[in-house]
Each structure stands twice: as C-alpha cells, then as structure tokens.
Amino acid sequence: MNRKHPLSEEFPEFEEKILTLKVENDHFKKLYDQYDEVDHHIYRVESDVEPSSDEVANQLRIARLRLKDEIYKFLKEY
C-alpha cells in the first residue's frame, strides 16, 4: 500500500513540538521541508505517477530515513 509518512504520524509523541519548531526554528523548518519533499517524491514513485528505477527509489528511501533520524535527534535535544 502506497502512502505518505508524515512526521506527525511517525512521531505522534512530538506532534505539538513539531508544529512549534516548524514556526520557530529555521533549521528544523528546513529539515521538515526536505523530509516532506523526499516523502512526497517517494509516494509519487511508489504510486507510479513518476516512473523511476529501483535504485533511485531506494536512494530516496535512504535519504528519507537519514532525514527522519536527524529530525528525531533534533526533537529529542530541543
């Protein structure tokens, strides 16, 4: 099943903090936007809206995972 992975669902325990940091912290906002862009790209690839090779799809998933890890670390520290 193809679906997006919004941060509010990935980290429900940080939902309020995510909303606050998006507005108040430029670095977090940049990470959030990058994650959202990569997640949307993956969704388009998995939905066959944007054809892509398996290698590109896997690279996108790795990029999303790295961003998610960085965001989680940010959320834990702030």
PDB file of N, CA and C in Angstrom:
ATOM      1  N   MET A   1       0.842  -1.175   0.000  1.00  0.00           N
ATOM      2  CA  MET A   1       0.000   0.000   0.000  1.00  0.00           C
ATOM      3  C   MET A   1       0.893   1.247   0.000  1.00  0.00           C
ATOM      4  N   ASN A   2       0.627   2.127  -0.925  1.00  0.00           N
ATOM      5  CA  ASN A   2       1.381   3.366  -1.040  1.00  0.00           C
ATOM      6  C   ASN A   2       0.720   4.444  -0.192  1.00  0.00           C
ATOM      7  N   ARG A   3       1.527   5.025   0.658  1.00  0.00           N
ATOM      8  CA  ARG A   3       1.015   6.120   1.478  1.00  0.00           C
ATOM      9  C   ARG A   3       2.173   7.006   1.879  1.00  0.00           C
ATOM     10  N   LYS A   4       1.835   8.218   2.240  1.00  0.00           N
ATOM     11  CA  LYS A   4       2.850   9.142   2.729  1.00  0.00           C
ATOM     12  C   LYS A   4       3.148   8.826   4.193  1.00  0.00           C
ATOM     13  N   HIS A   5       4.279   9.336   4.639  1.00  0.00           N
ATOM     14  CA  HIS A   5       4.723   9.112   6.014  1.00  0.00           C
ATOM     15  C   HIS A   5       4.954  10.459   6.694  1.00  0.00           C
ATOM     16  N   PRO A   6       3.894  11.189   7.004  1.00  0.00           N
ATOM     17  CA  PRO A   6       4.076  12.499   7.643  1.00  0.00           C
ATOM     18  C   PRO A   6       4.722  12.358   9.018  1.00  0.00           C
ATOM     19  N   LEU A   7       5.507  13.357   9.369  1.00  0.00           N
ATOM     20  CA  LEU A   7       6.209  13.317  10.655  1.00  0.00           C
ATOM     21  C   LEU A   7       5.265  13.236  11.839  1.00  0.00           C
ATOM     22  N   SER A   8       4.093  13.825  11.717  1.00  0.00           N
ATOM     23  CA  SER A   8       3.133  13.758  12.824  1.00  0.00           C
ATOM     24  C   SER A   8       2.680  12.326  13.097  1.00  0.00           C
ATOM     25  N   GLU A   9       2.712  11.479  12.072  1.00  0.00           N
ATOM     26  CA  GLU A   9       2.380  10.062  12.264  1.00  0.00           C
ATOM     27  C   GLU A   9       3.610   9.254  12.663  1.00  0.00           C
ATOM     28  N   GLU A  10       4.759   9.659  12.175  1.00  0.00           N
ATOM     29  CA  GLU A  10       5.992   8.953  12.510  1.00  0.00           C
ATOM     30  C   GLU A  10       6.380   9.196  13.968  1.00  0.00           C
ATOM     31  N   PHE A  11       6.124  10.424  14.445  1.00  0.00           N
ATOM     32  CA  PHE A  11       6.456  10.806  15.819  1.00  0.00           C
ATOM     33  C   PHE A  11       5.242  11.434  16.501  1.00  0.00           C
ATOM     34  N   PRO A  12       4.201  10.664  16.766  1.00  0.00           N
ATOM     35  CA  PRO A  12       2.995  11.253  17.361  1.00  0.00           C
ATOM     36  C   PRO A  12       3.251  11.879  18.735  1.00  0.00           C
ATOM     37  N   GLU A  13       4.238  11.369  19.442  1.00  0.00           N
ATOM     38  CA  GLU A  13       4.549  11.911  20.763  1.00  0.00           C
ATOM     39  C   GLU A  13       5.164  13.310  20.684  1.00  0.00           C
ATOM     40  N   PHE A  14       5.615  13.698  19.493  1.00  0.00           N
ATOM     41  CA  PHE A  14       6.228  15.013  19.301  1.00  0.00           C
ATOM     42  C   PHE A  14       5.375  15.926  18.413  1.00  0.00           C
ATOM     43  N   GLU A  15       4.130  15.581  18.196  1.00  0.00           N
ATOM     44  CA  GLU A  15       3.298  16.331  17.257  1.00  0.00           C
ATOM     45  C   GLU A  15       3.250  17.830  17.585  1.00  0.00           C
ATOM     46  N   GLU A  16       3.025  18.161  18.833  1.00  0.00           N
ATOM     47  CA  GLU A  16       2.942  19.572  19.224  1.00  0.00           C
ATOM     48  C   GLU A  16       4.298  20.269  19.054  1.00  0.00           C
ATOM     49  N   LYS A  17       5.351  19.568  19.424  1.00  0.00           N
ATOM     50  CA  LYS A  17       6.696  20.128  19.297  1.00  0.00           C
ATOM     51  C   LYS A  17       7.052  20.364  17.827  1.00  0.00           C
ATOM     52  N   ILE A  18       6.648  19.459  16.967  1.00  0.00           N
ATOM     53  CA  ILE A  18       6.892  19.603  15.529  1.00  0.00           C
ATOM     54  C   ILE A  18       6.213  20.863  15.009  1.00  0.00           C
ATOM     55  N   LEU A  19       4.972  21.056  15.384  1.00  0.00           N
ATOM     56  CA  LEU A  19       4.239  22.248  14.937  1.00  0.00           C
ATOM     57  C   LEU A  19       4.914  23.530  15.418  1.00  0.00           C
ATOM     58  N   THR A  20       5.371  23.530  16.641  1.00  0.00           N
ATOM     59  CA  THR A  20       6.026  24.711  17.206  1.00  0.00           C
ATOM     60  C   THR A  20       7.368  24.972  16.513  1.00  0.00           C
ATOM     61  N   LEU A  21       8.179  23.929  16.378  1.00  0.00           N
ATOM     62  CA  LEU A  21       9.500  24.105  15.790  1.00  0.00           C
ATOM     63  C   LEU A  21       9.438  24.510  14.317  1.00  0.00           C
ATOM     64  N   LYS A  22       8.429  24.049  13.604  1.00  0.00           N
ATOM     65  CA  LYS A  22       8.273  24.446  12.199  1.00  0.00           C
ATOM     66  C   LYS A  22       8.174  25.961  12.066  1.00  0.00           C
ATOM     67  N   VAL A  23       7.571  26.582  13.046  1.00  0.00           N
ATOM     68  CA  VAL A  23       7.352  28.029  13.016  1.00  0.00           C
ATOM     69  C   VAL A  23       8.527  28.786  13.643  1.00  0.00           C
ATOM     70  N   GLU A  24       9.103  28.229  14.690  1.00  0.00           N
ATOM     71  CA  GLU A  24      10.070  28.975  15.491  1.00  0.00           C
ATOM     72  C   GLU A  24      11.538  28.691  15.180  1.00  0.00           C
ATOM     73  N   ASN A  25      11.847  27.617  14.461  1.00  0.00           N
ATOM     74  CA  ASN A  25      13.241  27.246  14.246  1.00  0.00           C
ATOM     75  C   ASN A  25      13.501  27.036  12.754  1.00  0.00           C
ATOM     76  N   ASP A  26      14.338  27.890  12.184  1.00  0.00           N
ATOM     77  CA  ASP A  26      14.612  27.826  10.744  1.00  0.00           C
ATOM     78  C   ASP A  26      15.279  26.521  10.330  1.00  0.00           C
ATOM     79  N   HIS A  27      16.208  26.036  11.153  1.00  0.00           N
ATOM     80  CA  HIS A  27      16.891  24.781  10.806  1.00  0.00           C
ATOM     81  C   HIS A  27      15.894  23.615  10.795  1.00  0.00           C
ATOM     82  N   PHE A  28      15.045  23.557  11.808  1.00  0.00           N
ATOM     83  CA  PHE A  28      14.049  22.490  11.849  1.00  0.00           C
ATOM     84  C   PHE A  28      13.093  22.590  10.658  1.00  0.00           C
ATOM     85  N   LYS A  29      12.683  23.797  10.338  1.00  0.00           N
ATOM     86  CA  LYS A  29      11.781  24.013   9.199  1.00  0.00           C
ATOM     87  C   LYS A  29      12.416  23.496   7.909  1.00  0.00           C
ATOM     88  N   LYS A  30      13.706  23.739   7.753  1.00  0.00           N
ATOM     89  CA  LYS A  30      14.414  23.253   6.559  1.00  0.00           C
ATOM     90  C   LYS A  30      14.424  21.727   6.522  1.00  0.00           C
ATOM     91  N   LEU A  31      14.736  21.097   7.655  1.00  0.00           N
ATOM     92  CA  LEU A  31      14.720  19.633   7.734  1.00  0.00           C
ATOM     93  C   LEU A  31      13.317  19.090   7.440  1.00  0.00           C
ATOM     94  N   TYR A  32      12.331  19.729   8.039  1.00  0.00           N
ATOM     95  CA  TYR A  32      10.938  19.315   7.845  1.00  0.00           C
ATOM     96  C   TYR A  32      10.555  19.386   6.364  1.00  0.00           C
ATOM     97  N   ASP A  33      10.889  20.491   5.725  1.00  0.00           N
ATOM     98  CA  ASP A  33      10.551  20.667   4.311  1.00  0.00           C
ATOM     99  C   ASP A  33      11.285  19.663   3.426  1.00  0.00           C
ATOM    100  N   GLN A  34      12.544  19.399   3.734  1.00  0.00           N
ATOM    101  CA  GLN A  34      13.300  18.402   2.973  1.00  0.00           C
ATOM    102  C   GLN A  34      12.670  17.020   3.126  1.00  0.00           C
ATOM    103  N   TYR A  35      12.329  16.664   4.363  1.00  0.00           N
ATOM    104  CA  TYR A  35      11.691  15.374   4.616  1.00  0.00           C
ATOM    105  C   TYR A  35      10.384  15.271   3.833  1.00  0.00           C
ATOM    106  N   ASP A  36       9.569  16.306   3.916  1.00  0.00           N
ATOM    107  CA  ASP A  36       8.274  16.311   3.243  1.00  0.00           C
ATOM    108  C   ASP A  36       8.443  16.171   1.719  1.00  0.00           C
ATOM    109  N   GLU A  37       9.438  16.852   1.170  1.00  0.00           N
ATOM    110  CA  GLU A  37       9.695  16.788  -0.267  1.00  0.00           C
ATOM    111  C   GLU A  37      10.127  15.383  -0.691  1.00  0.00           C
ATOM    112  N   VAL A  38      11.046  14.789   0.058  1.00  0.00           N
ATOM    113  CA  VAL A  38      11.506  13.433  -0.253  1.00  0.00           C
ATOM    114  C   VAL A  38      10.365  12.437  -0.080  1.00  0.00           C
ATOM    115  N   ASP A  39       9.601  12.574   0.974  1.00  0.00           N
ATOM    116  CA  ASP A  39       8.469  11.678   1.215  1.00  0.00           C
ATOM    117  C   ASP A  39       7.452  11.763   0.075  1.00  0.00           C
ATOM    118  N   HIS A  40       7.180  12.972  -0.379  1.00  0.00           N
ATOM    119  CA  HIS A  40       6.248  13.160  -1.493  1.00  0.00           C
ATOM    120  C   HIS A  40       6.808  12.534  -2.777  1.00  0.00           C
ATOM    121  N   HIS A  41       8.092  12.685  -3.003  1.00  0.00           N
ATOM    122  CA  HIS A  41       8.733  12.096  -4.181  1.00  0.00           C
ATOM    123  C   HIS A  41       8.613  10.572  -4.142  1.00  0.00           C
ATOM    124  N   ILE A  42       8.881   9.984  -2.978  1.00  0.00           N
ATOM    125  CA  ILE A  42       8.752   8.529  -2.819  1.00  0.00           C
ATOM    126  C   ILE A  42       7.317   8.093  -3.088  1.00  0.00           C
ATOM    127  N   TYR A  43       6.366   8.823  -2.562  1.00  0.00           N
ATOM    128  CA  TYR A  43       4.960   8.500  -2.775  1.00  0.00           C
ATOM    129  C   TYR A  43       4.629   8.496  -4.269  1.00  0.00           C
ATOM    130  N   ARG A  44       5.127   9.484  -4.992  1.00  0.00           N
ATOM    131  CA  ARG A  44       4.864   9.569  -6.440  1.00  0.00           C
ATOM    132  C   ARG A  44       5.511   8.396  -7.176  1.00  0.00           C
ATOM    133  N   VAL A  45       6.708   8.014  -6.762  1.00  0.00           N
ATOM    134  CA  VAL A  45       7.397   6.882  -7.389  1.00  0.00           C
ATOM    135  C   VAL A  45       6.645   5.582  -7.099  1.00  0.00           C
ATOM    136  N   GLU A  46       6.282   5.369  -5.854  1.00  0.00           N
ATOM    137  CA  GLU A  46       5.590   4.132  -5.464  1.00  0.00           C
ATOM    138  C   GLU A  46       4.193   4.038  -6.060  1.00  0.00           C
ATOM    139  N   SER A  47       3.604   5.181  -6.370  1.00  0.00           N
ATOM    140  CA  SER A  47       2.260   5.206  -6.970  1.00  0.00           C
ATOM    141  C   SER A  47       2.307   5.162  -8.494  1.00  0.00           C
ATOM    142  N   ASP A  48       3.505   5.039  -9.038  1.00  0.00           N
ATOM    143  CA  ASP A  48       3.720   5.004 -10.491  1.00  0.00           C
ATOM    144  C   ASP A  48       3.296   6.282 -11.200  1.00  0.00           C
ATOM    145  N   VAL A  49       3.208   7.370 -10.481  1.00  0.00           N
ATOM    146  CA  VAL A  49       2.928   8.669 -11.081  1.00  0.00           C
ATOM    147  C   VAL A  49       4.207   9.194 -11.721  1.00  0.00           C
ATOM    148  N   GLU A  50       5.328   8.874 -11.081  1.00  0.00           N
ATOM    149  CA  GLU A  50       6.645   9.309 -11.538  1.00  0.00           C
ATOM    150  C   GLU A  50       7.532   8.066 -11.659  1.00  0.00           C
ATOM    151  N   PRO A  51       7.600   7.488 -12.853  1.00  0.00           N
ATOM    152  CA  PRO A  51       8.396   6.269 -13.027  1.00  0.00           C
ATOM    153  C   PRO A  51       9.858   6.495 -12.615  1.00  0.00           C
ATOM    154  N   SER A  52      10.431   5.475 -11.992  1.00  0.00           N
ATOM    155  CA  SER A  52      11.798   5.580 -11.513  1.00  0.00           C
ATOM    156  C   SER A  52      12.380   4.182 -11.368  1.00  0.00           C
ATOM    157  N   SER A  53      13.693   4.096 -11.383  1.00  0.00           N
ATOM    158  CA  SER A  53      14.351   2.802 -11.198  1.00  0.00           C
ATOM    159  C   SER A  53      14.300   2.410  -9.723  1.00  0.00           C
ATOM    160  N   ASP A  54      14.502   1.136  -9.464  1.00  0.00           N
ATOM    161  CA  ASP A  54      14.551   0.658  -8.082  1.00  0.00           C
ATOM    162  C   ASP A  54      15.699   1.316  -7.320  1.00  0.00           C
ATOM    163  N   GLU A  55      16.805   1.550  -8.008  1.00  0.00           N
ATOM    164  CA  GLU A  55      17.967   2.173  -7.369  1.00  0.00           C
ATOM    165  C   GLU A  55      17.629   3.586  -6.893  1.00  0.00           C
ATOM    166  N   VAL A  56      16.962   4.358  -7.729  1.00  0.00           N
ATOM    167  CA  VAL A  56      16.575   5.718  -7.354  1.00  0.00           C
ATOM    168  C   VAL A  56      15.580   5.677  -6.203  1.00  0.00           C
ATOM    169  N   ALA A  57      14.611   4.782  -6.273  1.00  0.00           N
ATOM    170  CA  ALA A  57      13.619   4.654  -5.200  1.00  0.00           C
ATOM    171  C   ALA A  57      14.303   4.306  -3.879  1.00  0.00           C
ATOM    172  N   ASN A  58      15.268   3.397  -3.918  1.00  0.00           N
ATOM    173  CA  ASN A  58      15.978   3.024  -2.694  1.00  0.00           C
ATOM    174  C   ASN A  58      16.817   4.178  -2.162  1.00  0.00           C
ATOM    175  N   GLN A  59      17.431   4.952  -3.039  1.00  0.00           N
ATOM    176  CA  GLN A  59      18.207   6.119  -2.611  1.00  0.00           C
ATOM    177  C   GLN A  59      17.301   7.142  -1.932  1.00  0.00           C
ATOM    178  N   LEU A  60      16.105   7.309  -2.466  1.00  0.00           N
ATOM    179  CA  LEU A  60      15.145   8.231  -1.856  1.00  0.00           C
ATOM    180  C   LEU A  60      14.726   7.742  -0.468  1.00  0.00           C
ATOM    181  N   ARG A  61      14.500   6.446  -0.345  1.00  0.00           N
ATOM    182  CA  ARG A  61      14.116   5.893   0.962  1.00  0.00           C
ATOM    183  C   ARG A  61      15.238   6.073   1.986  1.00  0.00           C
ATOM    184  N   ILE A  62      16.468   5.903   1.546  1.00  0.00           N
ATOM    185  CA  ILE A  62      17.619   6.108   2.433  1.00  0.00           C
ATOM    186  C   ILE A  62      17.698   7.571   2.853  1.00  0.00           C
ATOM    187  N   ALA A  63      17.481   8.477   1.900  1.00  0.00           N
ATOM    188  CA  ALA A  63      17.502   9.910   2.210  1.00  0.00           C
ATOM    189  C   ALA A  63      16.410  10.249   3.220  1.00  0.00           C
ATOM    190  N   ARG A  64      15.213   9.669   3.036  1.00  0.00           N
ATOM    191  CA  ARG A  64      14.115   9.926   3.976  1.00  0.00           C
ATOM    192  C   ARG A  64      14.475   9.399   5.364  1.00  0.00           C
ATOM    193  N   LEU A  65      15.069   8.240   5.426  1.00  0.00           N
ATOM    194  CA  LEU A  65      15.448   7.654   6.713  1.00  0.00           C
ATOM    195  C   LEU A  65      16.506   8.506   7.417  1.00  0.00           C
ATOM    196  N   ARG A  66      17.474   8.999   6.676  1.00  0.00           N
ATOM    197  CA  ARG A  66      18.510   9.860   7.270  1.00  0.00           C
ATOM    198  C   ARG A  66      17.898  11.154   7.806  1.00  0.00           C
ATOM    199  N   LEU A  67      17.004  11.742   7.025  1.00  0.00           N
ATOM    200  CA  LEU A  67      16.330  12.961   7.486  1.00  0.00           C
ATOM    201  C   LEU A  67      15.488  12.678   8.730  1.00  0.00           C
ATOM    202  N   LYS A  68      14.801  11.551   8.713  1.00  0.00           N
ATOM    203  CA  LYS A  68      13.965  11.176   9.858  1.00  0.00           C
ATOM    204  C   LYS A  68      14.830  10.998  11.108  1.00  0.00           C
ATOM    205  N   ASP A  69      15.994  10.378  10.957  1.00  0.00           N
ATOM    206  CA  ASP A  69      16.910  10.205  12.085  1.00  0.00           C
ATOM    207  C   ASP A  69      17.398  11.556  12.608  1.00  0.00           C
ATOM    208  N   GLU A  70      17.743  12.451  11.690  1.00  0.00           N
ATOM    209  CA  GLU A  70      18.224  13.775  12.091  1.00  0.00           C
ATOM    210  C   GLU A  70      17.115  14.570  12.791  1.00  0.00           C
ATOM    211  N   ILE A  71      15.909  14.457  12.275  1.00  0.00           N
ATOM    212  CA  ILE A  71      14.769  15.146  12.884  1.00  0.00           C
ATOM    213  C   ILE A  71      14.483  14.579  14.275  1.00  0.00           C
ATOM    214  N   TYR A  72      14.530  13.269  14.412  1.00  0.00           N
ATOM    215  CA  TYR A  72      14.301  12.644  15.720  1.00  0.00           C
ATOM    216  C   TYR A  72      15.336  13.132  16.735  1.00  0.00           C
ATOM    217  N   LYS A  73      16.601  13.169  16.318  1.00  0.00           N
ATOM    218  CA  LYS A  73      17.650  13.647  17.207  1.00  0.00           C
ATOM    219  C   LYS A  73      17.377  15.100  17.615  1.00  0.00           C
ATOM    220  N   PHE A  74      16.969  15.908  16.660  1.00  0.00           N
ATOM    221  CA  PHE A  74      16.647  17.311  16.926  1.00  0.00           C
ATOM    222  C   PHE A  74      15.507  17.409  17.933  1.00  0.00           C
ATOM    223  N   LEU A  75      14.465  16.613  17.729  1.00  0.00           N
ATOM    224  CA  LEU A  75      13.309  16.638  18.620  1.00  0.00           C
ATOM    225  C   LEU A  75      13.670  16.204  20.035  1.00  0.00           C
ATOM    226  N   LYS A  76      14.539  15.235  20.161  1.00  0.00           N
ATOM    227  CA  LYS A  76      14.957  14.753  21.482  1.00  0.00           C
ATOM    228  C   LYS A  76      15.796  15.785  22.225  1.00  0.00           C
ATOM    229  N   GLU A  77      16.592  16.565  21.490  1.00  0.00           N
ATOM    230  CA  GLU A  77      17.519  17.501  22.121  1.00  0.00           C
ATOM    231  C   GLU A  77      16.863  18.846  22.470  1.00  0.00           C
ATOM    232  N   TYR A  78      15.795  19.209  21.763  1.00  0.00           N
ATOM    233  CA  TYR A  78      15.202  20.535  21.983  1.00  0.00           C
ATOM    234  C   TYR A  78      13.868  20.445  22.666  1.00  0.00           C
TER     235      TYR A  78
END
